[in-house]
Amino acid sequence: MFFPFVENGFKHSNLNLPDQNLQIELFQDENRITFQCTNTIAEQQTVHESEGIGLKLAARRLKLLYPEKHKLNITRNSEQFSVYLEIFP
């Protein structure tokens, strides 16, 4: 479930540069799983290059597997891309 988001983080940042980063957090407690993935966006990326089918498929998969039992928030600005996912009972 989390792989498309992690893969995007590696794909759209250039971790060979010192100012680029990727942060992945995964927490579980008795009631929910919380996942967050945030990455910087490589300068050469354009909006068109960062739009892909992977995120749309992941969102669709969540709707099928966890209807009304998840919260997905994807934000993007010119420097950073962030995914927040919560799965609950």
Protein backbone atom coordinates (compact mmCIF):
# COMPACT_ATOMS: atom_id res chain seq x y z
CA MET A 1 0.00 0.00 0.00
CA PHE A 2 2.81 2.43 0.82
CA PHE A 3 5.21 1.44 -1.95
CA PRO A 4 3.91 3.83 -4.68
CA PHE A 5 4.39 6.79 -2.35
CA VAL A 6 7.91 5.77 -1.31
CA GLU A 7 8.82 5.04 -4.94
CA ASN A 8 7.64 8.52 -5.95
CA GLY A 9 9.77 10.04 -3.21
CA PHE A 10 12.90 8.45 -4.64
CA LYS A 11 11.89 9.08 -8.25
CA HIS A 12 11.17 12.80 -7.98
CA SER A 13 14.02 13.93 -5.74
CA ASN A 14 17.74 13.89 -6.38
CA LEU A 15 19.17 12.51 -3.17
CA ASN A 16 22.73 12.92 -4.49
CA LEU A 17 22.46 16.66 -3.82
CA PRO A 18 22.96 17.95 -0.26
CA ASP A 19 19.78 20.06 -0.19
CA GLN A 20 17.49 17.19 -1.27
CA ASN A 21 15.83 14.87 1.24
CA LEU A 22 13.29 12.13 1.70
CA GLN A 23 11.56 11.50 5.00
CA ILE A 24 9.38 8.44 5.60
CA GLU A 25 7.42 7.84 8.81
CA LEU A 26 5.21 4.88 9.64
CA PHE A 27 3.37 4.49 12.94
CA GLN A 28 0.91 1.95 14.24
CA ASP A 29 -1.16 1.94 17.38
CA GLU A 30 -4.18 -0.13 18.39
CA ASN A 31 -6.57 1.96 16.30
CA ARG A 32 -4.75 3.17 13.22
CA ILE A 33 -1.78 3.15 10.90
CA THR A 34 -0.30 6.51 10.02
CA PHE A 35 2.11 6.96 7.10
CA GLN A 36 3.83 10.11 5.93
CA CYS A 37 6.30 10.54 3.10
CA THR A 38 7.82 13.92 2.28
CA ASN A 39 10.45 14.66 -0.32
CA THR A 40 12.04 17.64 -1.94
CA ILE A 41 11.45 18.02 -5.67
CA ALA A 42 14.46 18.08 -7.95
CA GLU A 43 14.77 21.44 -9.73
CA GLN A 44 14.58 19.96 -13.20
CA GLN A 45 11.16 18.38 -12.51
CA THR A 46 8.19 19.98 -14.20
CA VAL A 47 4.58 19.61 -13.14
CA HIS A 48 3.92 17.34 -16.13
CA GLU A 49 6.79 15.02 -15.23
CA SER A 50 5.56 14.61 -11.67
CA GLU A 51 2.00 13.66 -12.70
CA GLY A 52 1.69 9.94 -13.11
CA ILE A 53 -0.76 7.12 -12.89
CA GLY A 54 0.85 5.58 -9.78
CA LEU A 55 -0.70 8.02 -7.30
CA LYS A 56 -4.11 7.77 -8.94
CA LEU A 57 -3.97 3.97 -8.78
CA ALA A 58 -2.89 4.05 -5.13
CA ALA A 59 -5.82 6.34 -4.26
CA ARG A 60 -8.21 4.07 -6.13
CA ARG A 61 -6.82 0.98 -4.38
CA LEU A 62 -7.36 2.67 -1.01
CA LYS A 63 -10.98 3.40 -1.89
CA LEU A 64 -11.53 -0.24 -2.82
CA LEU A 65 -9.71 -1.82 0.14
CA TYR A 66 -10.56 0.71 2.88
CA PRO A 67 -13.81 2.47 1.92
CA GLU A 68 -14.60 5.18 4.47
CA LYS A 69 -11.69 3.86 6.59
CA HIS A 70 -8.81 5.98 5.37
CA LYS A 71 -7.73 9.57 4.97
CA LEU A 72 -5.32 10.49 2.16
CA ASN A 73 -3.87 13.96 1.80
CA ILE A 74 -1.39 14.73 -0.99
CA THR A 75 0.17 18.18 -1.16
CA ARG A 76 2.70 19.62 -3.56
CA ASN A 77 4.36 22.97 -3.94
CA SER A 78 7.34 24.04 -6.03
CA GLU A 79 9.86 22.61 -3.56
CA GLN A 80 8.21 19.74 -1.71
CA PHE A 81 5.81 16.82 -2.17
CA SER A 82 4.06 15.27 0.80
CA VAL A 83 1.72 12.32 1.34
CA TYR A 84 -0.19 11.73 4.55
CA LEU A 85 -2.18 8.51 4.86
CA GLU A 86 -4.20 7.29 7.81
CA ILE A 87 -5.93 3.89 7.87
CA PHE A 88 -8.38 3.25 10.68
CA PRO A 89 -11.06 0.69 11.67
